[in-house]
Amino acid sequence: MGELMRSLYVLKFIFLMTVFFKSPAAGASGSVKSEEKTVPGVAKATLTFNLKFTYNNFPFKIRIFDALDPRKLVSGKFHNVKDLAGAPIGNEYKNGEIQVARGDSRKFVLVIENTEDKPLHFYVAPHSTDPMQSALNHKFFCLCTGQIYFVKPKSVWYKVVTMNVEDTADIETITQVHKVIGVDPLRMKKNLDDEDNAQGKSTKQQ
């Protein structure tokens, strides 16, 4: 009877040890292959920012470039230079898709080449965002600031912009559409005249 019980204990011990060493939790990395599983709700390291433009009464396209030496560039300022060589630009995003890491920011440059002998004026209507809920997860310091931009004749206009993405963003792709609207020179002159008249009246009242 005693020998039988000892044999049963030995068999039980061997069975438990066999199960233990076959388990992935035992750390037997040489014999167990770990499988990566996609966990629902867990976001990727980066998201795709898809920037699009539509145009009304404006002859040129806005091009998107990577920023050269972004730490030295001030976001929000715009400039007119002689040609593309004078702009702080790198590679062009021809498809308008920019990769931005979550919890990070990225500067890039919006460019217009005016090949005409006359100046251009334009403004940008407030952009639309898709999906709408992604508006809580990012901030884009873009073109729709309520101002009228001026592009010199035969020159290159550019503006440095910044996209900030929260580290909690759970969206893989954000699409923003901006509408670029050209301002007629006569309307532009009338706006300037109206501003001058308003300032003149204000000075007289003081």
Protein backbone atom coordinates (compact mmCIF):
# COMPACT_ATOMS: atom_id res chain seq x y z
CA MET A 1 0.00 0.00 0.00
CA GLY A 2 2.84 2.35 0.89
CA GLU A 3 4.65 1.63 -2.39
CA LEU A 4 1.44 2.31 -4.34
CA MET A 5 0.94 5.71 -2.69
CA ARG A 6 4.55 6.71 -3.35
CA SER A 7 4.16 5.72 -7.02
CA LEU A 8 1.00 7.83 -7.31
CA TYR A 9 2.76 10.87 -5.78
CA VAL A 10 5.68 10.46 -8.18
CA LEU A 11 3.37 10.26 -11.20
CA LYS A 12 1.43 13.31 -10.00
CA PHE A 13 4.68 15.26 -9.55
CA ILE A 14 5.88 14.35 -13.06
CA PHE A 15 2.53 15.40 -14.56
CA LEU A 16 2.55 18.80 -12.80
CA MET A 17 6.13 19.53 -13.83
CA THR A 18 5.33 18.64 -17.45
CA VAL A 19 2.37 21.04 -17.50
CA PHE A 20 4.42 23.78 -15.84
CA PHE A 21 7.31 23.70 -18.32
CA LYS A 22 4.96 23.67 -21.31
CA SER A 23 3.23 26.84 -20.11
CA PRO A 24 4.27 30.19 -21.79
CA ALA A 25 4.31 31.74 -18.34
CA ALA A 26 7.23 29.53 -17.35
CA GLY A 27 9.54 31.67 -19.48
CA ALA A 28 10.69 28.83 -21.76
CA SER A 29 11.32 31.28 -24.60
CA GLY A 30 13.28 28.73 -26.59
CA SER A 31 10.29 26.45 -27.08
CA VAL A 32 7.32 28.84 -26.98
CA LYS A 33 6.61 31.44 -29.67
CA SER A 34 4.81 34.57 -28.49
CA GLU A 35 2.10 35.94 -30.77
CA GLU A 36 1.39 39.65 -31.11
CA LYS A 37 -2.27 40.38 -30.76
CA THR A 38 -4.05 43.58 -31.77
CA VAL A 39 -5.83 44.94 -28.74
CA PRO A 40 -9.02 46.83 -29.62
CA GLY A 41 -8.91 50.50 -28.62
CA VAL A 42 -5.11 50.74 -28.47
CA ALA A 43 -3.85 53.39 -30.89
CA LYS A 44 -0.79 53.19 -33.12
CA ALA A 45 2.33 55.25 -32.46
CA THR A 46 1.56 57.78 -35.20
CA LEU A 47 -1.47 59.10 -37.01
CA THR A 48 -1.93 60.37 -40.54
CA PHE A 49 -2.87 64.01 -41.00
CA ASN A 50 -4.51 64.42 -44.42
CA LEU A 51 -4.52 68.07 -45.51
CA LYS A 52 -6.69 69.10 -48.47
CA PHE A 53 -7.52 72.41 -50.16
CA THR A 54 -10.35 73.56 -52.39
CA TYR A 55 -10.20 76.81 -54.33
CA ASN A 56 -12.55 79.61 -55.30
CA ASN A 57 -11.33 82.41 -57.57
CA PHE A 58 -7.72 81.52 -56.88
CA PRO A 59 -5.35 80.44 -59.71
CA PHE A 60 -2.63 78.52 -57.85
CA LYS A 61 -2.39 75.44 -55.65
CA ILE A 62 -1.02 75.39 -52.13
CA ARG A 63 1.86 72.95 -51.86
CA ILE A 64 2.99 71.26 -48.63
CA PHE A 65 6.64 70.79 -47.71
CA ASP A 66 8.58 69.43 -44.77
CA ALA A 67 10.22 72.18 -42.70
CA LEU A 68 13.99 72.53 -42.74
CA ASP A 69 15.48 73.07 -39.29
CA PRO A 70 12.02 73.47 -37.67
CA ARG A 71 13.42 74.55 -34.28
CA LYS A 72 14.58 77.82 -35.84
CA LEU A 73 11.27 78.52 -37.59
CA VAL A 74 8.51 80.59 -36.02
CA SER A 75 5.08 79.12 -36.62
CA GLY A 76 2.38 81.49 -37.88
CA LYS A 77 4.59 83.91 -39.78
CA PHE A 78 4.41 84.19 -43.55
CA HIS A 79 6.94 85.54 -46.03
CA ASN A 80 7.46 86.42 -49.69
CA VAL A 81 10.75 85.31 -51.25
CA LYS A 82 12.16 85.31 -54.77
CA ASP A 83 11.97 81.56 -55.42
CA LEU A 84 11.72 78.16 -53.75
CA ALA A 85 15.42 78.26 -52.89
CA GLY A 86 14.69 81.07 -50.45
CA ALA A 87 12.07 79.07 -48.53
CA PRO A 88 13.00 76.76 -45.59
CA ILE A 89 11.57 73.65 -47.23
CA GLY A 90 12.56 70.02 -47.57
CA ASN A 91 10.66 67.18 -49.19
CA GLU A 92 7.22 67.83 -50.64
CA TYR A 93 4.12 66.01 -49.42
CA LYS A 94 2.53 65.62 -52.83
CA ASN A 95 -0.38 63.55 -51.56
CA GLY A 96 -1.01 65.87 -48.60
CA GLU A 97 -0.52 63.07 -46.04
CA ILE A 98 1.71 63.90 -43.07
CA GLN A 99 2.69 61.48 -40.30
CA VAL A 100 2.59 62.98 -36.81
CA ALA A 101 3.57 61.07 -33.66
CA ARG A 102 1.08 61.02 -30.82
CA GLY A 103 2.04 63.33 -27.98
CA ASP A 104 4.24 65.32 -30.36
CA SER A 105 4.12 68.29 -32.74
CA ARG A 106 5.31 68.81 -36.28
CA LYS A 107 6.06 71.90 -38.31
CA PHE A 108 5.64 72.04 -42.05
CA VAL A 109 5.48 74.76 -44.69
CA LEU A 110 2.63 75.81 -46.97
CA VAL A 111 3.81 77.34 -50.26
CA ILE A 112 2.27 79.30 -53.14
CA GLU A 113 4.21 80.12 -56.30
CA ASN A 114 2.83 83.24 -57.97
CA THR A 115 3.99 83.17 -61.59
CA GLU A 116 1.86 86.16 -62.57
CA ASP A 117 2.95 89.79 -62.91
CA LYS A 118 0.28 90.94 -60.49
CA PRO A 119 -0.14 90.49 -56.74
CA LEU A 120 -2.60 88.07 -55.22
CA HIS A 121 -4.81 88.38 -52.16
CA PHE A 122 -6.63 85.50 -50.53
CA TYR A 123 -8.14 84.30 -47.29
CA VAL A 124 -9.03 80.84 -45.99
CA ALA A 125 -12.42 79.85 -44.62
CA PRO A 126 -12.56 77.84 -41.36
CA HIS A 127 -11.62 74.26 -42.08
CA SER A 128 -13.75 71.15 -41.73
CA THR A 129 -12.45 68.16 -39.76
CA ASP A 130 -13.26 64.50 -40.26
CA PRO A 131 -13.92 62.71 -37.98
CA MET A 132 -15.37 65.59 -35.97
CA GLN A 133 -14.48 64.04 -32.60
CA SER A 134 -10.79 64.22 -33.50
CA ALA A 135 -10.95 67.99 -32.96
CA LEU A 136 -10.46 67.30 -29.24
CA ASN A 137 -7.21 65.41 -29.87
CA HIS A 138 -5.20 67.90 -31.91
CA LYS A 139 -4.49 71.57 -32.53
CA PHE A 140 -3.55 72.88 -35.96
CA PHE A 141 -2.16 76.40 -36.22
CA CYS A 142 -3.10 76.80 -39.85
CA LEU A 143 -4.26 79.39 -42.42
CA CYS A 144 -7.83 80.11 -41.36
CA THR A 145 -7.03 82.96 -38.98
CA GLY A 146 -9.45 85.53 -40.41
CA GLN A 147 -6.77 87.54 -42.18
CA ILE A 148 -6.19 88.37 -45.84
CA TYR A 149 -2.85 87.13 -47.16
CA PHE A 150 -0.76 88.99 -49.73
CA VAL A 151 1.39 87.30 -52.38
CA LYS A 152 3.83 89.49 -54.32
CA PRO A 153 4.08 89.22 -58.14
CA LYS A 154 6.57 86.70 -59.50
CA SER A 155 7.43 85.42 -56.05
CA VAL A 156 7.03 82.52 -53.63
CA TRP A 157 4.83 82.94 -50.59
CA TYR A 158 5.14 80.59 -47.64
CA LYS A 159 3.81 80.16 -44.12
CA VAL A 160 5.14 77.90 -41.35
CA VAL A 161 2.36 75.96 -39.60
CA THR A 162 2.31 73.49 -36.69
CA MET A 163 0.24 70.42 -35.91
CA ASN A 164 0.06 69.31 -32.25
CA VAL A 165 -1.33 65.86 -31.47
CA GLU A 166 -2.38 64.72 -27.99
CA ASP A 167 -0.91 61.47 -26.70
CA THR A 168 -4.46 60.29 -25.94
CA ALA A 169 -5.56 60.53 -29.58
CA ASP A 170 -7.22 57.27 -30.62
CA ILE A 171 -7.79 58.26 -34.26
CA GLU A 172 -5.64 56.81 -37.03
CA THR A 173 -6.43 59.40 -39.72
CA ILE A 174 -7.53 63.04 -39.52
CA THR A 175 -8.71 64.83 -42.66
CA GLN A 176 -8.98 68.60 -42.82
CA VAL A 177 -10.31 70.56 -45.78
CA HIS A 178 -9.52 74.27 -46.18
CA LYS A 179 -11.25 76.50 -48.72
CA VAL A 180 -8.91 79.07 -50.29
CA ILE A 181 -10.78 82.14 -51.58
CA GLY A 182 -9.20 84.74 -53.82
CA VAL A 183 -9.96 88.38 -53.07
CA ASP A 184 -10.71 90.63 -56.05
CA PRO A 185 -8.30 93.63 -56.26
CA LEU A 186 -11.22 96.10 -56.41
CA ARG A 187 -12.74 94.57 -53.29
CA MET A 188 -9.36 94.65 -51.61
CA LYS A 189 -8.99 98.36 -52.43
CA LYS A 190 -12.49 99.06 -51.11
CA ASN A 191 -11.68 97.25 -47.84
CA LEU A 192 -8.53 99.33 -47.41
CA ASP A 193 -10.43 102.53 -48.18
CA ASP A 194 -13.13 101.59 -45.65
CA GLU A 195 -10.45 100.95 -43.00
CA ASP A 196 -8.81 104.31 -43.74
CA ASN A 197 -12.16 106.09 -43.50
CA ALA A 198 -12.98 104.33 -40.23
CA GLN A 199 -9.62 105.31 -38.77
CA GLY A 200 -10.13 108.90 -39.93
CA LYS A 201 -13.52 109.15 -38.24
CA SER A 202 -12.09 107.65 -35.06
CA THR A 203 -9.28 110.25 -35.02
CA LYS A 204 -11.71 113.13 -35.48
CA GLN A 205 -13.91 111.89 -32.63
CA GLN A 206 -10.93 111.79 -30.30
